[in-house]
């Protein structure tokens, strides 16, 4: 066999394999496809329930742990502008070496408009504070209101069981503590027979 025959046979074999893979891929995609209208209808129902704590899987992507941590640090520092930037669906970057968070002035690459930050994200390293716990520690009323409006829970607890109102009290922010306490879900009343 000459080398031309070998190359021709390899080329024919490549075309056959490529066409087979393409046909199987089309069948697989068709069998596993979803109805986009069903997803949109379900997403609309979820958005109507709570428009701020809503994730649209067709148009949004979930924030990474690094981005969620950047939002929590921005809240801890009391930076309302950076938190607003994040809640508009934009990227935040946490420079852990310098302890800074960048977002608004970071350039056009930071403006996505499609990032969904996790409302239940807790600091995994130390305190397990959410962004609302961090904002309560900073003592910023406006920041706490903004986070609650966008779905952060006043009932979230740290590793030791502290709610944001308790964190505000520890930080010496009694006015903020009482405002957060008013919005908490009341603890169920238990009688002596339930123990």
Protein backbone atom coordinates (compact mmCIF):
# COMPACT_ATOMS: atom_id res chain seq x y z
CA UNK A 1 0.00 0.00 0.00
CA UNK A 2 1.26 3.41 -0.86
CA UNK A 3 1.21 6.33 1.53
CA UNK A 4 -1.45 8.07 -0.63
CA UNK A 5 -3.80 5.11 -0.16
CA UNK A 6 -3.21 5.13 3.60
CA UNK A 7 -3.95 8.87 3.85
CA UNK A 8 -7.07 8.50 1.70
CA UNK A 9 -8.35 5.63 3.87
CA UNK A 10 -7.65 7.60 7.07
CA UNK A 11 -9.51 10.60 5.65
CA UNK A 12 -12.54 8.46 4.73
CA UNK A 13 -12.53 6.87 8.19
CA UNK A 14 -12.35 10.34 9.80
CA UNK A 15 -15.38 11.53 7.80
CA UNK A 16 -17.41 8.44 8.76
CA UNK A 17 -16.58 8.81 12.47
CA UNK A 18 -17.25 12.56 12.44
CA UNK A 19 -20.67 12.10 10.78
CA UNK A 20 -21.59 9.36 13.27
CA UNK A 21 -20.68 11.55 16.24
CA UNK A 22 -22.64 14.48 14.79
CA UNK A 23 -25.76 12.35 14.28
CA UNK A 24 -25.57 10.96 17.83
CA UNK A 25 -25.00 14.44 19.24
CA UNK A 26 -28.09 15.78 17.44
CA UNK A 27 -30.21 12.90 18.73
CA UNK A 28 -28.87 13.42 22.26
CA UNK A 29 -29.57 17.16 22.23
CA UNK A 30 -33.07 16.56 20.86
CA UNK A 31 -33.87 13.93 23.49
CA UNK A 32 -32.55 16.06 26.37
CA UNK A 33 -33.82 19.45 25.21
CA UNK A 34 -36.07 21.52 27.43
CA UNK A 35 -38.98 23.69 26.49
CA UNK A 36 -37.77 27.28 26.94
CA UNK A 37 -41.34 28.54 27.31
CA UNK A 38 -41.90 26.22 30.30
CA UNK A 39 -38.75 27.53 31.98
CA UNK A 40 -39.78 31.16 31.31
CA UNK A 41 -43.27 30.52 32.71
CA UNK A 42 -41.83 28.96 35.87
CA UNK A 43 -39.30 31.81 36.19
CA UNK A 44 -42.10 34.40 35.92
CA UNK A 45 -43.97 32.70 38.78
CA UNK A 46 -40.82 32.77 40.95
CA UNK A 47 -40.16 36.41 40.11
CA UNK A 48 -43.69 37.37 41.08
CA UNK A 49 -43.25 35.68 44.48
CA UNK A 50 -40.09 37.60 45.36
CA UNK A 51 -38.72 39.86 42.62
CA UNK A 52 -35.44 40.62 44.44
CA UNK A 53 -34.47 37.11 45.50
CA UNK A 54 -34.88 35.64 42.07
CA UNK A 55 -32.53 33.73 39.78
CA UNK A 56 -33.36 33.42 36.08
CA UNK A 57 -31.38 30.43 34.73
CA UNK A 58 -31.80 31.58 31.11
CA UNK A 59 -30.26 35.02 31.51
CA UNK A 60 -28.21 34.99 34.72
CA UNK A 61 -25.20 33.20 36.15
CA UNK A 62 -24.54 32.50 39.80
CA UNK A 63 -21.79 34.43 41.53
CA UNK A 64 -18.69 32.48 42.45
CA UNK A 65 -17.65 32.04 46.08
CA UNK A 66 -14.98 34.70 45.47
CA UNK A 67 -17.61 37.18 44.21
CA UNK A 68 -19.96 36.41 47.12
CA UNK A 69 -17.09 36.97 49.54
CA UNK A 70 -16.29 40.30 47.81
CA UNK A 71 -19.90 41.41 48.36
CA UNK A 72 -19.71 40.42 52.04
CA UNK A 73 -16.46 42.36 52.49
CA UNK A 74 -17.94 45.43 50.75
CA UNK A 75 -20.88 45.24 53.17
CA UNK A 76 -18.49 44.87 56.12
CA UNK A 77 -16.68 48.03 55.02
CA UNK A 78 -20.04 49.82 54.69
CA UNK A 79 -19.51 50.61 51.01
CA UNK A 80 -23.05 51.19 49.69
CA UNK A 81 -21.87 52.01 46.14
CA UNK A 82 -20.04 48.69 45.71
CA UNK A 83 -22.96 46.72 47.15
CA UNK A 84 -25.39 48.49 44.78
CA UNK A 85 -23.01 47.75 41.91
CA UNK A 86 -23.08 44.05 42.84
CA UNK A 87 -26.86 43.93 43.29
CA UNK A 88 -27.26 45.37 39.79
CA UNK A 89 -25.70 42.08 38.67
CA UNK A 90 -22.15 43.30 38.23
CA UNK A 91 -18.82 41.71 39.12
CA UNK A 92 -16.91 42.49 42.31
CA UNK A 93 -13.31 41.49 42.90
CA UNK A 94 -11.85 40.98 46.39
CA UNK A 95 -8.10 41.55 46.57
CA UNK A 96 -7.33 39.43 49.64
CA UNK A 97 -3.69 40.55 49.80
CA UNK A 98 -4.60 44.22 50.22
CA UNK A 99 -8.05 43.76 51.80
CA UNK A 100 -9.78 45.82 49.12
CA UNK A 101 -12.82 45.27 46.93
CA UNK A 102 -13.01 46.61 43.37
CA UNK A 103 -16.05 46.90 41.17
CA UNK A 104 -17.40 50.21 39.93
CA UNK A 105 -14.11 51.65 38.65
CA UNK A 106 -12.66 48.32 37.57
CA UNK A 107 -13.45 48.90 33.90
CA UNK A 108 -16.10 47.64 31.49
CA UNK A 109 -15.27 43.98 32.17
CA UNK A 110 -16.84 44.39 35.62
CA UNK A 111 -20.22 45.49 34.24
CA UNK A 112 -22.13 42.32 33.37
CA UNK A 113 -25.64 42.92 34.67
CA UNK A 114 -26.31 39.18 34.87
CA UNK A 115 -24.63 37.94 38.06
CA UNK A 116 -26.84 36.64 40.87
CA UNK A 117 -25.30 36.83 44.35
CA UNK A 118 -26.20 34.10 46.85
CA UNK A 119 -28.48 35.45 49.58
CA UNK A 120 -27.51 32.54 51.86
CA UNK A 121 -23.73 32.85 51.44
CA UNK A 122 -21.92 32.68 54.80
CA UNK A 123 -18.25 33.46 55.34
CA UNK A 124 -16.79 29.93 55.27
CA UNK A 125 -13.54 30.85 56.96
CA UNK A 126 -14.30 32.30 60.38
CA UNK A 127 -17.58 33.81 61.56
CA UNK A 128 -20.07 32.57 58.97
CA UNK A 129 -21.43 36.11 58.59
CA UNK A 130 -23.77 36.83 55.70
CA UNK A 131 -23.56 40.19 53.91
CA UNK A 132 -26.36 41.41 56.21
CA UNK A 133 -24.39 40.42 59.33
CA UNK A 134 -21.40 42.34 57.94
CA UNK A 135 -23.56 45.39 57.15
CA UNK A 136 -25.04 45.26 60.67
CA UNK A 137 -21.52 45.23 62.10
CA UNK A 138 -20.63 48.29 60.00
CA UNK A 139 -23.70 50.05 61.47
CA UNK A 140 -24.97 51.28 58.11
CA UNK A 141 -28.81 51.56 58.14
CA UNK A 142 -29.08 52.18 54.38
CA UNK A 143 -26.93 49.20 53.54
CA UNK A 144 -28.96 46.89 55.78
CA UNK A 145 -32.21 48.12 54.20
CA UNK A 146 -30.77 47.60 50.70
CA UNK A 147 -29.70 44.02 51.47
CA UNK A 148 -33.04 43.15 53.11
CA UNK A 149 -34.89 44.61 50.12
CA UNK A 150 -32.86 42.32 47.87
CA UNK A 151 -33.59 39.17 49.83
CA UNK A 152 -31.02 38.84 52.64
CA UNK A 153 -32.68 37.37 55.71
CA UNK A 154 -32.73 39.01 59.14
CA UNK A 155 -33.18 35.50 60.54
CA UNK A 156 -29.87 34.12 59.19
CA UNK A 157 -27.61 32.83 61.94
CA UNK A 158 -23.84 32.63 62.30
CA UNK A 159 -21.98 29.55 63.49
CA UNK A 160 -22.66 30.60 67.09
CA UNK A 161 -26.35 31.31 66.42
CA UNK A 162 -26.24 35.12 66.26
CA UNK A 163 -28.66 37.00 64.00
CA UNK A 164 -27.75 40.34 62.37
CA UNK A 165 -29.56 42.21 65.18
CA UNK A 166 -27.21 40.61 67.73
CA UNK A 167 -24.18 41.56 65.62
CA UNK A 168 -25.43 45.17 65.47
CA UNK A 169 -25.80 45.15 69.29
CA UNK A 170 -22.25 43.85 69.71
CA UNK A 171 -21.04 46.65 67.45
CA UNK A 172 -22.75 49.21 69.68
CA UNK A 173 -25.47 50.05 67.15
CA UNK A 174 -28.57 49.77 69.36
CA UNK A 175 -30.85 51.72 66.98
CA UNK A 176 -29.96 49.40 64.11
CA UNK A 177 -30.34 46.41 66.45
CA UNK A 178 -33.91 47.37 67.36
CA UNK A 179 -34.82 48.00 63.70
CA UNK A 180 -33.49 44.59 62.65
CA UNK A 181 -35.14 42.92 65.66
CA UNK A 182 -38.56 44.30 64.57
CA UNK A 183 -38.21 42.57 61.19
CA UNK A 184 -37.22 39.17 62.57
CA UNK A 185 -39.63 36.27 62.47
CA UNK A 186 -40.89 35.73 66.03
CA UNK A 187 -39.65 32.61 67.77
CA UNK A 188 -42.40 30.01 68.24
CA UNK A 189 -43.90 29.96 71.70
CA UNK A 190 -43.28 26.65 73.40
CA UNK A 191 -45.03 25.33 76.42
CA UNK A 192 -43.58 23.04 79.04
CA UNK A 193 -45.22 19.95 77.50
CA UNK A 194 -43.38 20.25 74.18
CA UNK A 195 -39.98 19.49 75.69
